[in-house]
Amino acid sequence: MEFIEAECKTIINHVPGNYLPFNWSINPYRGCSHSCSYCFARPTHTFLDMNAGRDFETKIVVKVNAPEVLRRQLAAKRWKGEGIAMGTNTDPYQRAEGRYRLMPEIIRALTDYRNPFSILTKGTLILRDLEPLVEAARVTDVSTAFSIGTLDAAAWQASEPGTPHPRKRIEAVRALNDAGIPCGVLMAPILPGITDDPRQLREVVAAAIDAGATHVSPILLHLRPGVREEFLPWLAETYPDLVERYEELYRKPYAPAAERDALGRRVSGLIRSLGGVRPAPAEPLRFSGRSRGDDHGVTRGEQLTLV
């Protein structure tokens, strides 16, 4: 594993388009040691003259000045305090975070400016930052979600070997919700023929509901250009009998709408049959304003959701 230390000029990134539930994101790292075979962010490494395969997993760019740059951007008059999503490209709680500890200071900066944020992760290291997350939730909207596509040990070890065990992630979902930090489960991605068996889906939904997940949302695998070229050789080596099926399903980056809709119906049915998810706690009254020195009124913040 090679950590490449770099300084960034900006850390709040605008997300173009209107197909996602957020307009701004923070990515303190580029590349990801989780090594997920299907990761849609792999092609971003080619912008750095590195490859989307092994380089993406082992050459991690660390934006060492991210907390300082964040504070500068949050303080700028042009910043309007919109919600910021983290973990939407590469995971902020991957292995490098244990060494560089960028997230605690990022969370504290967002807290000091009462800026709402969300975190999507596979990294149980987020529990290290439970105290600053609870502090943040006292003054702004904080939401979290864990990506847990399967609890099947063989499928997990084959497809995402650098991630914590999915049952450890379920335990983290419970811990966050017990601490008052809303946490849901993104069943992502579901891999056709590998993790989409009804029993496998039910196992994830049941565990998520039992852990108090505020939402459970499935996403079927998609294979964009650059990812497809990495994923299909992995599939041929690991699940050779499925190659023909995938080539048929993924003539385009997304599987046919009928397949995606069917998955959504199956998971929705499972959620209903298992009693439904626990609703997120009622939002408390919070001080408005952009910093701790601006206490002119109270407001109810808008919940930033991940799905």
C-alpha atoms as a PDB file:
ATOM      1  CA  MET A   1       0.000   0.000   0.000  1.00  0.00           C
ATOM      2  CA  GLU A   2       1.387   3.381  -1.030  1.00  0.00           C
ATOM      3  CA  PHE A   3       0.030   6.613   0.395  1.00  0.00           C
ATOM      4  CA  ILE A   4       0.656   9.615  -1.841  1.00  0.00           C
ATOM      5  CA  GLU A   5       0.413  12.810   0.182  1.00  0.00           C
ATOM      6  CA  ALA A   6      -0.944  15.805  -1.714  1.00  0.00           C
ATOM      7  CA  GLU A   7      -2.323  19.243  -0.950  1.00  0.00           C
ATOM      8  CA  CYS A   8      -5.652  20.304  -2.395  1.00  0.00           C
ATOM      9  CA  LYS A   9      -6.814  23.804  -3.318  1.00  0.00           C
ATOM     10  CA  THR A  10     -10.484  23.016  -2.710  1.00  0.00           C
ATOM     11  CA  ILE A  11     -12.216  20.163  -0.918  1.00  0.00           C
ATOM     12  CA  ILE A  12     -15.920  20.920  -1.354  1.00  0.00           C
ATOM     13  CA  ASN A  13     -16.750  19.624  -4.822  1.00  0.00           C
ATOM     14  CA  HIS A  14     -19.807  20.559  -6.848  1.00  0.00           C
ATOM     15  CA  VAL A  15     -21.675  17.524  -8.130  1.00  0.00           C
ATOM     16  CA  PRO A  16     -23.114  18.279 -11.582  1.00  0.00           C
ATOM     17  CA  GLY A  17     -26.541  17.174 -12.709  1.00  0.00           C
ATOM     18  CA  ASN A  18     -29.769  16.777 -10.775  1.00  0.00           C
ATOM     19  CA  TYR A  19     -30.010  12.984 -10.530  1.00  0.00           C
ATOM     20  CA  LEU A  20     -28.464  12.743  -7.050  1.00  0.00           C
ATOM     21  CA  PRO A  21     -29.947  13.958  -3.737  1.00  0.00           C
ATOM     22  CA  PHE A  22     -26.975  16.231  -3.058  1.00  0.00           C
ATOM     23  CA  ASN A  23     -25.105  19.001  -4.861  1.00  0.00           C
ATOM     24  CA  TRP A  24     -21.829  19.009  -2.926  1.00  0.00           C
ATOM     25  CA  SER A  25     -19.378  16.363  -1.774  1.00  0.00           C
ATOM     26  CA  ILE A  26     -16.083  15.943   0.070  1.00  0.00           C
ATOM     27  CA  ASN A  27     -13.547  13.254  -0.835  1.00  0.00           C
ATOM     28  CA  PRO A  28     -10.448  13.349   1.392  1.00  0.00           C
ATOM     29  CA  TYR A  29      -8.933  10.386  -0.498  1.00  0.00           C
ATOM     30  CA  ARG A  30      -8.583   9.246  -4.106  1.00  0.00           C
ATOM     31  CA  GLY A  31      -8.332   5.532  -4.683  1.00  0.00           C
ATOM     32  CA  CYS A  32      -9.644   3.018  -2.173  1.00  0.00           C
ATOM     33  CA  SER A  33      -8.121   0.082  -0.329  1.00  0.00           C
ATOM     34  CA  HIS A  34     -11.521  -1.629  -0.021  1.00  0.00           C
ATOM     35  CA  SER A  35     -10.680  -3.200  -3.403  1.00  0.00           C
ATOM     36  CA  CYS A  36     -14.302  -3.712  -4.441  1.00  0.00           C
ATOM     37  CA  SER A  37     -14.328  -5.416  -7.827  1.00  0.00           C
ATOM     38  CA  TYR A  38     -17.305  -3.376  -9.015  1.00  0.00           C
ATOM     39  CA  CYS A  39     -16.333   0.101  -7.741  1.00  0.00           C
ATOM     40  CA  PHE A  40     -17.672   2.810 -10.059  1.00  0.00           C
ATOM     41  CA  ALA A  41     -14.905   5.218  -8.953  1.00  0.00           C
ATOM     42  CA  ARG A  42     -12.086   3.135 -10.419  1.00  0.00           C
ATOM     43  CA  PRO A  43     -11.777   5.157 -13.666  1.00  0.00           C
ATOM     44  CA  THR A  44     -11.028   8.345 -11.683  1.00  0.00           C
ATOM     45  CA  HIS A  45      -7.522   7.013 -11.078  1.00  0.00           C
ATOM     46  CA  THR A  46      -6.775   7.178 -14.781  1.00  0.00           C
ATOM     47  CA  PHE A  47      -6.956  10.978 -14.500  1.00  0.00           C
ATOM     48  CA  LEU A  48      -3.801  10.695 -12.375  1.00  0.00           C
ATOM     49  CA  ASP A  49      -1.974   8.573 -14.964  1.00  0.00           C
ATOM     50  CA  MET A  50      -2.558   5.469 -12.845  1.00  0.00           C
ATOM     51  CA  ASN A  51      -4.643   2.444 -13.725  1.00  0.00           C
ATOM     52  CA  ALA A  52      -8.150   1.599 -12.585  1.00  0.00           C
ATOM     53  CA  GLY A  53      -7.113  -1.846 -11.391  1.00  0.00           C
ATOM     54  CA  ARG A  54      -4.361  -2.524  -8.905  1.00  0.00           C
ATOM     55  CA  ASP A  55      -3.211   1.126  -8.731  1.00  0.00           C
ATOM     56  CA  PHE A  56      -6.683   2.221  -7.597  1.00  0.00           C
ATOM     57  CA  GLU A  57      -6.487  -0.236  -4.695  1.00  0.00           C
ATOM     58  CA  THR A  58      -2.889   0.296  -3.614  1.00  0.00           C
ATOM     59  CA  LYS A  59      -1.889   3.872  -4.530  1.00  0.00           C
ATOM     60  CA  ILE A  60      -4.037   6.094  -2.351  1.00  0.00           C
ATOM     61  CA  VAL A  61      -3.892   9.866  -2.709  1.00  0.00           C
ATOM     62  CA  VAL A  62      -4.272  11.568   0.683  1.00  0.00           C
ATOM     63  CA  LYS A  63      -5.392  15.203   0.723  1.00  0.00           C
ATOM     64  CA  VAL A  64      -3.447  16.000   3.857  1.00  0.00           C
ATOM     65  CA  ASN A  65      -4.634  19.614   4.151  1.00  0.00           C
ATOM     66  CA  ALA A  66      -8.337  18.800   3.657  1.00  0.00           C
ATOM     67  CA  PRO A  67      -9.547  20.017   7.095  1.00  0.00           C
ATOM     68  CA  GLU A  68      -7.798  23.384   6.777  1.00  0.00           C
ATOM     69  CA  VAL A  69      -9.062  23.936   3.238  1.00  0.00           C
ATOM     70  CA  LEU A  70     -12.565  22.956   4.345  1.00  0.00           C
ATOM     71  CA  ARG A  71     -12.612  25.584   7.076  1.00  0.00           C
ATOM     72  CA  ARG A  72     -11.543  28.219   4.575  1.00  0.00           C
ATOM     73  CA  GLN A  73     -14.302  27.241   2.170  1.00  0.00           C
ATOM     74  CA  LEU A  74     -16.957  27.083   4.883  1.00  0.00           C
ATOM     75  CA  ALA A  75     -15.998  30.577   6.037  1.00  0.00           C
ATOM     76  CA  ALA A  76     -16.275  32.097   2.542  1.00  0.00           C
ATOM     77  CA  LYS A  77     -19.216  34.453   2.082  1.00  0.00           C
ATOM     78  CA  ARG A  78     -20.218  32.719  -1.139  1.00  0.00           C
ATOM     79  CA  TRP A  79     -20.768  29.406   0.674  1.00  0.00           C
ATOM     80  CA  LYS A  80     -24.477  29.051   1.531  1.00  0.00           C
ATOM     81  CA  GLY A  81     -24.285  26.187   3.993  1.00  0.00           C
ATOM     82  CA  GLU A  82     -25.787  23.504   1.765  1.00  0.00           C
ATOM     83  CA  GLY A  83     -25.659  19.839   2.699  1.00  0.00           C
ATOM     84  CA  ILE A  84     -22.425  17.988   1.923  1.00  0.00           C
ATOM     85  CA  ALA A  85     -22.211  14.270   1.181  1.00  0.00           C
ATOM     86  CA  MET A  86     -19.150  12.151   1.974  1.00  0.00           C
ATOM     87  CA  GLY A  87     -18.377   8.631   0.814  1.00  0.00           C
ATOM     88  CA  THR A  88     -20.074   9.078  -2.537  1.00  0.00           C
ATOM     89  CA  ASN A  89     -16.897   8.408  -4.526  1.00  0.00           C
ATOM     90  CA  THR A  90     -14.223   6.721  -2.416  1.00  0.00           C
ATOM     91  CA  ASP A  91     -14.694   5.721   1.202  1.00  0.00           C
ATOM     92  CA  PRO A  92     -13.576   8.269   3.824  1.00  0.00           C
ATOM     93  CA  TYR A  93     -13.154   5.430   6.344  1.00  0.00           C
ATOM     94  CA  GLN A  94     -10.821   3.231   4.329  1.00  0.00           C
ATOM     95  CA  ARG A  95      -7.467   2.013   5.683  1.00  0.00           C
ATOM     96  CA  ALA A  96      -5.618   5.303   5.162  1.00  0.00           C
ATOM     97  CA  GLU A  97      -7.979   7.100   7.545  1.00  0.00           C
ATOM     98  CA  GLY A  98      -6.662   5.064  10.455  1.00  0.00           C
ATOM     99  CA  ARG A  99      -3.276   6.645   9.852  1.00  0.00           C
ATOM    100  CA  TYR A 100      -4.133  10.167   8.703  1.00  0.00           C
ATOM    101  CA  ARG A 101      -7.237  10.879  10.826  1.00  0.00           C
ATOM    102  CA  LEU A 102      -8.676  13.490   8.483  1.00  0.00           C
ATOM    103  CA  MET A 103     -12.320  12.796   9.277  1.00  0.00           C
ATOM    104  CA  PRO A 104     -12.425  13.943  12.930  1.00  0.00           C
ATOM    105  CA  GLU A 105     -11.213  17.404  11.942  1.00  0.00           C
ATOM    106  CA  ILE A 106     -13.516  17.486   8.922  1.00  0.00           C
ATOM    107  CA  ILE A 107     -16.470  16.651  11.165  1.00  0.00           C
ATOM    108  CA  ARG A 108     -15.419  19.297  13.688  1.00  0.00           C
ATOM    109  CA  ALA A 109     -15.166  21.929  10.956  1.00  0.00           C
ATOM    110  CA  LEU A 110     -18.658  21.084   9.713  1.00  0.00           C
ATOM    111  CA  THR A 111     -19.903  21.174  13.296  1.00  0.00           C
ATOM    112  CA  ASP A 112     -18.372  24.569  14.020  1.00  0.00           C
ATOM    113  CA  TYR A 113     -20.145  25.986  10.959  1.00  0.00           C
ATOM    114  CA  ARG A 114     -23.335  24.017  11.643  1.00  0.00           C
ATOM    115  CA  ASN A 115     -23.197  22.641   8.125  1.00  0.00           C
ATOM    116  CA  PRO A 116     -25.403  19.594   7.459  1.00  0.00           C
ATOM    117  CA  PHE A 117     -23.673  16.497   6.127  1.00  0.00           C
ATOM    118  CA  SER A 118     -24.090  12.809   5.374  1.00  0.00           C
ATOM    119  CA  ILE A 119     -21.634   9.917   5.331  1.00  0.00           C
ATOM    120  CA  LEU A 120     -21.904   6.733   3.279  1.00  0.00           C
ATOM    121  CA  THR A 121     -19.309   4.120   4.197  1.00  0.00           C
ATOM    122  CA  LYS A 122     -18.320   0.475   4.463  1.00  0.00           C
ATOM    123  CA  GLY A 123     -15.762   1.314   7.138  1.00  0.00           C
ATOM    124  CA  THR A 124     -16.532   0.454  10.747  1.00  0.00           C
ATOM    125  CA  LEU A 125     -13.780   2.935  11.632  1.00  0.00           C
ATOM    126  CA  ILE A 126     -16.585   5.513  11.660  1.00  0.00           C
ATOM    127  CA  LEU A 127     -17.347   4.362  15.221  1.00  0.00           C
ATOM    128  CA  ARG A 128     -14.042   5.917  16.290  1.00  0.00           C
ATOM    129  CA  ASP A 129     -15.691   9.258  15.510  1.00  0.00           C
ATOM    130  CA  LEU A 130     -18.950   8.570  17.308  1.00  0.00           C
ATOM    131  CA  GLU A 131     -18.402  11.353  19.849  1.00  0.00           C
ATOM    132  CA  PRO A 132     -17.802  14.148  17.288  1.00  0.00           C
ATOM    133  CA  LEU A 133     -20.738  12.848  15.236  1.00  0.00           C
ATOM    134  CA  VAL A 134     -23.030  13.074  18.249  1.00  0.00           C
ATOM    135  CA  GLU A 135     -21.739  16.591  18.920  1.00  0.00           C
ATOM    136  CA  ALA A 136     -22.412  17.539  15.300  1.00  0.00           C
ATOM    137  CA  ALA A 137     -25.949  16.148  15.463  1.00  0.00           C
ATOM    138  CA  ARG A 138     -26.712  18.538  18.318  1.00  0.00           C
ATOM    139  CA  VAL A 139     -26.277  21.563  16.035  1.00  0.00           C
ATOM    140  CA  THR A 140     -26.969  20.384  12.482  1.00  0.00           C
ATOM    141  CA  ASP A 141     -28.448  17.570  10.424  1.00  0.00           C
ATOM    142  CA  VAL A 142     -26.267  14.471  10.295  1.00  0.00           C
ATOM    143  CA  SER A 143     -27.197  11.259   8.531  1.00  0.00           C
ATOM    144  CA  THR A 144     -25.221   8.121   7.802  1.00  0.00           C
ATOM    145  CA  ALA A 145     -25.577   4.913   5.838  1.00  0.00           C
ATOM    146  CA  PHE A 146     -23.636   1.697   5.456  1.00  0.00           C
ATOM    147  CA  SER A 147     -23.226  -0.050   2.130  1.00  0.00           C
ATOM    148  CA  ILE A 148     -24.030  -3.718   2.746  1.00  0.00           C
ATOM    149  CA  GLY A 149     -24.858  -5.662  -0.382  1.00  0.00           C
ATOM    150  CA  THR A 150     -24.714  -9.117   1.164  1.00  0.00           C
ATOM    151  CA  LEU A 151     -24.036 -11.064   4.343  1.00  0.00           C
ATOM    152  CA  ASP A 152     -22.856 -14.075   2.346  1.00  0.00           C
ATOM    153  CA  ALA A 153     -19.258 -14.610   3.469  1.00  0.00           C
ATOM    154  CA  ALA A 154     -18.022 -16.149   0.226  1.00  0.00           C
ATOM    155  CA  ALA A 155     -19.521 -13.427  -1.983  1.00  0.00           C
ATOM    156  CA  TRP A 156     -18.214 -10.703   0.347  1.00  0.00           C
ATOM    157  CA  GLN A 157     -14.663 -12.062   0.434  1.00  0.00           C
ATOM    158  CA  ALA A 158     -14.582 -12.484  -3.327  1.00  0.00           C
ATOM    159  CA  SER A 159     -16.023  -9.131  -4.360  1.00  0.00           C
ATOM    160  CA  GLU A 160     -14.826  -6.659  -1.686  1.00  0.00           C
ATOM    161  CA  PRO A 161     -11.844  -8.212   0.107  1.00  0.00           C
ATOM    162  CA  GLY A 162     -10.594  -5.003   1.724  1.00  0.00           C
ATOM    163  CA  THR A 163     -13.803  -4.162   3.581  1.00  0.00           C
ATOM    164  CA  PRO A 164     -14.851  -5.009   7.144  1.00  0.00           C
ATOM    165  CA  HIS A 165     -17.028  -8.085   7.549  1.00  0.00           C
ATOM    166  CA  PRO A 166     -20.623  -7.171   6.632  1.00  0.00           C
ATOM    167  CA  ARG A 167     -21.900  -8.350  10.016  1.00  0.00           C
ATOM    168  CA  LYS A 168     -19.491  -5.906  11.661  1.00  0.00           C
ATOM    169  CA  ARG A 169     -21.078  -3.236   9.484  1.00  0.00           C
ATOM    170  CA  ILE A 170     -24.525  -4.271  10.726  1.00  0.00           C
ATOM    171  CA  GLU A 171     -23.236  -3.867  14.283  1.00  0.00           C
ATOM    172  CA  ALA A 172     -22.044  -0.365  13.369  1.00  0.00           C
ATOM    173  CA  VAL A 173     -25.501   0.495  11.990  1.00  0.00           C
ATOM    174  CA  ARG A 174     -26.938  -0.464  15.362  1.00  0.00           C
ATOM    175  CA  ALA A 175     -24.324   1.518  17.293  1.00  0.00           C
ATOM    176  CA  LEU A 176     -24.918   4.682  15.289  1.00  0.00           C
ATOM    177  CA  ASN A 177     -28.690   4.492  15.642  1.00  0.00           C
ATOM    178  CA  ASP A 178     -28.411   3.723  19.359  1.00  0.00           C
ATOM    179  CA  ALA A 179     -26.291   6.877  19.699  1.00  0.00           C
ATOM    180  CA  GLY A 180     -28.959   8.968  17.956  1.00  0.00           C
ATOM    181  CA  ILE A 181     -27.180   9.212  14.598  1.00  0.00           C
ATOM    182  CA  PRO A 182     -29.664   8.163  11.878  1.00  0.00           C
ATOM    183  CA  CYS A 183     -28.147   5.304   9.913  1.00  0.00           C
ATOM    184  CA  GLY A 184     -29.633   3.338   7.044  1.00  0.00           C
ATOM    185  CA  VAL A 185     -28.467   0.521   4.810  1.00  0.00           C
ATOM    186  CA  LEU A 186     -27.752   0.795   1.116  1.00  0.00           C
ATOM    187  CA  MET A 187     -27.845  -2.709  -0.355  1.00  0.00           C
ATOM    188  CA  ALA A 188     -25.319  -1.846  -2.992  1.00  0.00           C
ATOM    189  CA  PRO A 189     -24.549  -3.200  -5.318  1.00  0.00           C
ATOM    190  CA  ILE A 190     -26.612  -6.321  -5.704  1.00  0.00           C
ATOM    191  CA  LEU A 191     -24.691  -8.646  -8.028  1.00  0.00           C
ATOM    192  CA  PRO A 192     -26.915 -10.754 -10.314  1.00  0.00           C
ATOM    193  CA  GLY A 193     -26.426 -14.450  -9.744  1.00  0.00           C
ATOM    194  CA  ILE A 194     -24.086 -13.789  -6.813  1.00  0.00           C
ATOM    195  CA  THR A 195     -25.960 -11.852  -4.122  1.00  0.00           C
ATOM    196  CA  ASP A 196     -29.542 -11.644  -5.440  1.00  0.00           C
ATOM    197  CA  ASP A 197     -30.898 -14.962  -4.165  1.00  0.00           C
ATOM    198  CA  PRO A 198     -34.143 -14.318  -2.214  1.00  0.00           C
ATOM    199  CA  ARG A 199     -32.644 -15.837   0.923  1.00  0.00           C
ATOM    200  CA  GLN A 200     -29.599 -13.593   0.649  1.00  0.00           C
ATOM    201  CA  LEU A 201     -31.739 -10.492   0.183  1.00  0.00           C
ATOM    202  CA  ARG A 202     -33.962 -11.407   3.109  1.00  0.00           C
ATOM    203  CA  GLU A 203     -30.953 -11.929   5.355  1.00  0.00           C
ATOM    204  CA  VAL A 204     -29.662  -8.403   4.713  1.00  0.00           C
ATOM    205  CA  VAL A 205     -33.077  -6.765   5.093  1.00  0.00           C
ATOM    206  CA  ALA A 206     -33.811  -8.623   8.338  1.00  0.00           C
ATOM    207  CA  ALA A 207     -30.428  -7.732   9.841  1.00  0.00           C
ATOM    208  CA  ALA A 208     -30.771  -4.089   8.802  1.00  0.00           C
ATOM    209  CA  ILE A 209     -34.237  -3.752  10.324  1.00  0.00           C
ATOM    210  CA  ASP A 210     -33.091  -5.478  13.502  1.00  0.00           C
ATOM    211  CA  ALA A 211     -30.204  -2.971  13.720  1.00  0.00           C
ATOM    212  CA  GLY A 212     -32.650  -0.060  13.570  1.00  0.00           C
ATOM    213  CA  ALA A 213     -31.844   1.043  10.024  1.00  0.00           C
ATOM    214  CA  THR A 214     -33.750   4.166   9.050  1.00  0.00           C
ATOM    215  CA  HIS A 215     -33.968   3.000   5.430  1.00  0.00           C
ATOM    216  CA  VAL A 216     -33.035  -0.047   3.375  1.00  0.00           C
ATOM    217  CA  SER A 217     -32.517   0.646  -0.320  1.00  0.00           C
ATOM    218  CA  PRO A 218     -31.219  -1.755  -2.994  1.00  0.00           C
ATOM    219  CA  ILE A 219     -29.158  -0.788  -6.025  1.00  0.00           C
ATOM    220  CA  LEU A 220     -28.483  -3.272  -8.796  1.00  0.00           C
ATOM    221  CA  LEU A 221     -24.933  -3.375 -10.142  1.00  0.00           C
ATOM    222  CA  HIS A 222     -24.105  -1.003 -12.976  1.00  0.00           C
ATOM    223  CA  LEU A 223     -20.989  -1.216 -15.123  1.00  0.00           C
ATOM    224  CA  ARG A 224     -19.841   2.065 -16.587  1.00  0.00           C
ATOM    225  CA  PRO A 225     -17.019   2.237 -19.124  1.00  0.00           C
ATOM    226  CA  GLY A 226     -13.730   1.771 -17.323  1.00  0.00           C
ATOM    227  CA  VAL A 227     -15.362  -0.327 -14.613  1.00  0.00           C
ATOM    228  CA  ARG A 228     -16.641  -2.956 -17.019  1.00  0.00           C
ATOM    229  CA  GLU A 229     -13.091  -3.598 -18.251  1.00  0.00           C
ATOM    230  CA  GLU A 230     -11.964  -4.340 -14.677  1.00  0.00           C
ATOM    231  CA  PHE A 231     -15.040  -6.216 -13.503  1.00  0.00           C
ATOM    232  CA  LEU A 232     -15.570  -8.718 -16.325  1.00  0.00           C
ATOM    233  CA  PRO A 233     -12.063 -10.277 -16.065  1.00  0.00           C
ATOM    234  CA  TRP A 234     -12.644 -10.620 -12.303  1.00  0.00           C
ATOM    235  CA  LEU A 235     -15.998 -12.274 -13.037  1.00  0.00           C
ATOM    236  CA  ALA A 236     -14.435 -14.645 -15.571  1.00  0.00           C
ATOM    237  CA  GLU A 237     -11.891 -15.749 -12.980  1.00  0.00           C
ATOM    238  CA  THR A 238     -14.225 -15.948  -9.999  1.00  0.00           C
ATOM    239  CA  TYR A 239     -17.645 -16.826 -11.438  1.00  0.00           C
ATOM    240  CA  PRO A 240     -16.953 -18.015 -15.013  1.00  0.00           C
ATOM    241  CA  ASP A 241     -20.421 -19.515 -15.430  1.00  0.00           C
ATOM    242  CA  LEU A 242     -21.940 -16.036 -15.117  1.00  0.00           C
ATOM    243  CA  VAL A 243     -19.957 -14.253 -17.837  1.00  0.00           C
ATOM    244  CA  GLU A 244     -22.491 -14.910 -20.579  1.00  0.00           C
ATOM    245  CA  ARG A 245     -25.351 -13.718 -18.398  1.00  0.00           C
ATOM    246  CA  TYR A 246     -23.561 -10.473 -17.535  1.00  0.00           C
ATOM    247  CA  GLU A 247     -22.660  -9.767 -21.136  1.00  0.00           C
ATOM    248  CA  GLU A 248     -26.341 -10.071 -21.960  1.00  0.00           C
ATOM    249  CA  LEU A 249     -27.527  -7.981 -18.995  1.00  0.00           C
ATOM    250  CA  TYR A 250     -24.934  -5.253 -19.386  1.00  0.00           C
ATOM    251  CA  ARG A 251     -24.966  -4.378 -23.034  1.00  0.00           C
ATOM    252  CA  LYS A 252     -25.427  -0.905 -21.585  1.00  0.00           C
ATOM    253  CA  PRO A 253     -23.992   0.402 -18.281  1.00  0.00           C
ATOM    254  CA  TYR A 254     -27.260  -0.253 -16.461  1.00  0.00           C
ATOM    255  CA  ALA A 255     -29.170  -3.514 -16.374  1.00  0.00           C
ATOM    256  CA  PRO A 256     -32.620  -3.368 -18.016  1.00  0.00           C
ATOM    257  CA  ALA A 257     -35.207  -1.322 -16.112  1.00  0.00           C
ATOM    258  CA  ALA A 258     -37.334  -4.430 -15.637  1.00  0.00           C
ATOM    259  CA  GLU A 259     -34.501  -6.085 -13.680  1.00  0.00           C
ATOM    260  CA  ARG A 260     -33.971  -3.008 -11.519  1.00  0.00           C
ATOM    261  CA  ASP A 261     -37.681  -2.582 -10.858  1.00  0.00           C
ATOM    262  CA  ALA A 262     -38.073  -6.246  -9.952  1.00  0.00           C
ATOM    263  CA  LEU A 263     -35.280  -5.967  -7.390  1.00  0.00           C
ATOM    264  CA  GLY A 264     -36.905  -2.898  -5.880  1.00  0.00           C
ATOM    265  CA  ARG A 265     -40.239  -4.700  -5.557  1.00  0.00           C
ATOM    266  CA  ARG A 266     -38.631  -7.758  -3.967  1.00  0.00           C
ATOM    267  CA  VAL A 267     -36.819  -5.708  -1.350  1.00  0.00           C
ATOM    268  CA  SER A 268     -39.866  -3.517  -0.666  1.00  0.00           C
ATOM    269  CA  GLY A 269     -41.913  -6.656  -0.123  1.00  0.00           C
ATOM    270  CA  LEU A 270     -39.319  -8.036   2.264  1.00  0.00           C
ATOM    271  CA  ILE A 271     -39.273  -4.796   4.247  1.00  0.00           C
ATOM    272  CA  ARG A 272     -43.056  -4.877   4.619  1.00  0.00           C
ATOM    273  CA  SER A 273     -43.129  -8.555   5.552  1.00  0.00           C
ATOM    274  CA  LEU A 274     -40.484  -7.998   8.219  1.00  0.00           C
ATOM    275  CA  GLY A 275     -42.314  -5.134   9.877  1.00  0.00           C
ATOM    276  CA  GLY A 276     -40.741  -2.121   8.199  1.00  0.00           C
ATOM    277  CA  VAL A 277     -37.836   0.100   9.135  1.00  0.00           C
ATOM    278  CA  ARG A 278     -37.684   2.260  12.219  1.00  0.00           C
ATOM    279  CA  PRO A 279     -38.456   5.890  11.362  1.00  0.00           C
ATOM    280  CA  ALA A 280     -35.675   8.401  11.854  1.00  0.00           C
ATOM    281  CA  PRO A 281     -35.899  10.286  15.160  1.00  0.00           C
ATOM    282  CA  ALA A 282     -37.762  13.575  15.118  1.00  0.00           C
ATOM    283  CA  GLU A 283     -35.493  16.458  14.233  1.00  0.00           C
ATOM    284  CA  PRO A 284     -34.733  18.671  17.228  1.00  0.00           C
ATOM    285  CA  LEU A 285     -34.886  22.432  17.191  1.00  0.00           C
ATOM    286  CA  ARG A 286     -31.449  23.763  16.372  1.00  0.00           C
ATOM    287  CA  PHE A 287     -29.742  27.105  16.203  1.00  0.00           C
ATOM    288  CA  SER A 288     -29.595  28.594  12.759  1.00  0.00           C
ATOM    289  CA  GLY A 289     -26.551  30.505  11.573  1.00  0.00           C
ATOM    290  CA  ARG A 290     -23.247  29.345  10.157  1.00  0.00           C
ATOM    291  CA  SER A 291     -21.027  29.323  13.229  1.00  0.00           C
ATOM    292  CA  ARG A 292     -21.233  28.980  16.975  1.00  0.00           C
ATOM    293  CA  GLY A 293     -21.080  32.731  17.340  1.00  0.00           C
ATOM    294  CA  ASP A 294     -24.310  33.287  15.377  1.00  0.00           C
ATOM    295  CA  ASP A 295     -27.238  32.343  17.621  1.00  0.00           C
ATOM    296  CA  HIS A 296     -30.048  34.549  16.332  1.00  0.00           C
ATOM    297  CA  GLY A 297     -32.813  31.974  16.037  1.00  0.00           C
ATOM    298  CA  VAL A 298     -33.892  28.374  15.777  1.00  0.00           C
ATOM    299  CA  THR A 299     -34.968  26.314  12.815  1.00  0.00           C
ATOM    300  CA  ARG A 300     -35.786  22.785  11.793  1.00  0.00           C
ATOM    301  CA  GLY A 301     -33.185  21.556   9.360  1.00  0.00           C
ATOM    302  CA  GLU A 302     -33.967  19.564   6.257  1.00  0.00           C
ATOM    303  CA  GLN A 303     -32.887  15.949   6.473  1.00  0.00           C
ATOM    304  CA  LEU A 304     -30.215  15.089   3.891  1.00  0.00           C
ATOM    305  CA  THR A 305     -30.948  11.611   2.641  1.00  0.00           C
ATOM    306  CA  LEU A 306     -28.634   9.257   0.815  1.00  0.00           C
ATOM    307  CA  VAL A 307     -31.174   7.507  -1.385  1.00  0.00           C
END
